[in-house]
Amino acid sequence: MWLQREIRLQPRPRGFHLVTDEVLCGLPELRDFKVGMMNVFIRHTSASLTLNENADPTVRQDFESYFNRAVPEGAPYYRHQDEGADDLPAHIKASLLGASLNIPVGNGQPVLGAWQGIWLCEHRNHGGSRRIVVTVQGE
């Protein structure tokens, strides 16, 4: 059995945001899968997805601080600046973190670790709503 759904995530400010519940709310049919794989893909080049800490929000704040230092805005060697100072750094951060996640499914739920959650990594100051495509294959 296959399931594919596009989910529009709420607009969020720049930073790292836990979106596991929002993703799952958009997939009520997931409960019909006993076993499978779920691919979560973001349809943007200036935002990304990752799996990480789902309990302590300071981890998400620390990720934002780290990436802002590792990939600074306004570097003199950037050539792509048409959409603002945050644009090229957003593309670099998105490439470093990635556009998709593969998560096993068991008994109608994603099989995540006790402290794992799906994060939207919003790298733009005003990114707007983001679209993800979730594809599930299983039985």
Protein backbone atom coordinates (compact mmCIF):
# COMPACT_ATOMS: atom_id res chain seq x y z
CA MET A 1 0.00 0.00 0.00
CA TRP A 2 1.15 3.53 -0.80
CA LEU A 3 0.15 6.88 0.65
CA GLN A 4 1.34 10.27 -0.49
CA ARG A 5 0.21 13.57 0.97
CA GLU A 6 1.35 17.17 0.73
CA ILE A 7 1.15 18.99 4.05
CA ARG A 8 1.45 22.75 4.39
CA LEU A 9 3.22 23.67 7.61
CA GLN A 10 2.33 26.85 9.47
CA PRO A 11 4.65 29.81 8.86
CA ARG A 12 7.33 30.00 11.52
CA PRO A 13 10.07 32.47 12.33
CA ARG A 14 13.66 31.70 11.58
CA GLY A 15 14.92 28.88 13.77
CA PHE A 16 14.42 25.20 14.49
CA HIS A 17 10.87 24.03 15.19
CA LEU A 18 9.41 20.73 16.38
CA VAL A 19 6.72 19.75 13.84
CA THR A 20 6.14 16.05 14.55
CA ASP A 21 2.53 16.54 15.69
CA GLU A 22 1.71 18.82 12.76
CA VAL A 23 3.05 16.23 10.30
CA LEU A 24 1.15 13.38 11.96
CA CYS A 25 -2.11 15.36 12.08
CA GLY A 26 -1.87 15.64 8.31
CA LEU A 27 -1.58 11.84 7.96
CA PRO A 28 -4.58 10.21 9.64
CA GLU A 29 -4.22 7.21 7.28
CA LEU A 30 -0.85 6.36 8.82
CA ARG A 31 -2.73 4.40 11.49
CA ASP A 32 -3.60 1.83 8.78
CA PHE A 33 0.06 0.86 8.26
CA LYS A 34 1.36 -2.02 10.36
CA VAL A 35 4.89 -1.81 8.93
CA GLY A 36 6.53 0.45 6.38
CA MET A 37 8.77 3.39 5.60
CA MET A 38 7.85 7.04 5.60
CA ASN A 39 9.77 9.59 3.55
CA VAL A 40 9.29 13.24 4.56
CA PHE A 41 10.50 15.68 1.88
CA ILE A 42 10.53 19.49 2.03
CA ARG A 43 9.84 21.29 -1.25
CA HIS A 44 12.08 24.29 -0.57
CA THR A 45 15.76 25.21 -0.96
CA SER A 46 16.00 27.57 2.03
CA ALA A 47 14.55 25.33 4.74
CA SER A 48 15.39 21.78 5.78
CA LEU A 49 14.36 18.85 7.95
CA THR A 50 16.18 16.91 10.62
CA LEU A 51 15.48 14.51 13.48
CA ASN A 52 16.61 15.52 16.93
CA GLU A 53 15.67 16.34 20.53
CA ASN A 54 11.92 16.60 21.12
CA ALA A 55 11.87 17.69 24.76
CA ASP A 56 14.29 20.50 25.57
CA PRO A 57 13.75 23.62 23.40
CA THR A 58 17.21 24.95 24.27
CA VAL A 59 18.65 22.33 21.91
CA ARG A 60 16.81 24.02 19.03
CA GLN A 61 18.07 27.42 20.18
CA ASP A 62 21.63 26.09 20.32
CA PHE A 63 21.31 24.70 16.78
CA GLU A 64 20.24 28.14 15.53
CA SER A 65 23.21 29.76 17.29
CA TYR A 66 25.64 27.20 15.90
CA PHE A 67 24.45 27.44 12.30
CA ASN A 68 24.42 31.25 12.39
CA ARG A 69 28.09 31.20 13.39
CA ALA A 70 29.06 28.40 10.99
CA VAL A 71 27.26 30.00 8.01
CA PRO A 72 27.20 33.75 8.65
CA GLU A 73 25.20 36.34 6.77
CA GLY A 74 26.99 39.01 4.79
CA ALA A 75 30.18 37.11 4.02
CA PRO A 76 32.12 39.12 1.41
CA TYR A 77 32.61 36.05 -0.82
CA TYR A 78 28.84 35.43 -1.35
CA ARG A 79 27.68 36.30 -4.87
CA HIS A 80 24.00 35.28 -4.62
CA GLN A 81 22.39 38.14 -2.69
CA ASP A 82 19.30 38.96 -4.79
CA GLU A 83 16.80 38.00 -2.08
CA GLY A 84 18.53 39.46 0.97
CA ALA A 85 21.40 38.73 3.30
CA ASP A 86 19.72 35.61 4.73
CA ASP A 87 19.13 33.94 1.34
CA LEU A 88 22.45 32.30 0.43
CA PRO A 89 23.19 31.25 4.03
CA ALA A 90 19.72 29.64 4.04
CA HIS A 91 20.58 27.60 0.94
CA ILE A 92 23.87 26.45 2.46
CA LYS A 93 22.24 25.47 5.78
CA ALA A 94 19.49 23.59 3.92
CA SER A 95 22.09 21.63 1.96
CA LEU A 96 24.05 20.79 5.11
CA LEU A 97 20.98 19.49 6.94
CA GLY A 98 19.09 17.96 4.02
CA ALA A 99 15.69 17.97 2.35
CA SER A 100 14.31 14.60 3.44
CA LEU A 101 14.00 12.08 6.24
CA ASN A 102 13.33 8.34 6.09
CA ILE A 103 11.51 7.07 9.15
CA PRO A 104 10.31 3.50 9.79
CA VAL A 105 6.62 3.00 10.51
CA GLY A 106 5.29 0.40 12.93
CA ASN A 107 1.77 -0.16 14.23
CA GLY A 108 0.46 3.04 12.67
CA GLN A 109 3.13 5.37 14.09
CA PRO A 110 6.59 6.59 13.10
CA VAL A 111 9.20 4.52 14.91
CA LEU A 112 11.18 7.27 16.64
CA GLY A 113 13.46 7.17 19.63
CA ALA A 114 12.08 8.34 22.97
CA TRP A 115 13.65 11.79 22.54
CA GLN A 116 13.39 12.17 18.75
CA GLY A 117 11.14 14.53 16.86
CA ILE A 118 10.84 15.94 13.36
CA TRP A 119 12.22 19.44 13.09
CA LEU A 120 11.50 22.08 10.49
CA CYS A 121 14.69 24.09 10.12
CA GLU A 122 13.59 27.53 8.93
CA HIS A 123 16.64 29.37 7.63
CA ARG A 124 14.96 32.52 6.27
CA ASN A 125 13.85 35.52 8.29
CA HIS A 126 10.45 35.45 6.55
CA GLY A 127 10.16 32.00 4.97
CA GLY A 128 6.37 31.74 5.07
CA SER A 129 4.48 28.47 5.11
CA ARG A 130 6.46 25.45 4.00
CA ARG A 131 5.22 22.46 2.01
CA ILE A 132 6.32 18.94 2.71
CA VAL A 133 5.45 15.76 0.84
CA VAL A 134 5.11 12.61 2.90
CA THR A 135 5.23 9.27 1.10
CA VAL A 136 4.53 6.06 3.01
CA GLN A 137 5.02 2.57 1.62
CA GLY A 138 4.04 -0.47 3.62
CA GLU A 139 1.28 -2.79 4.60
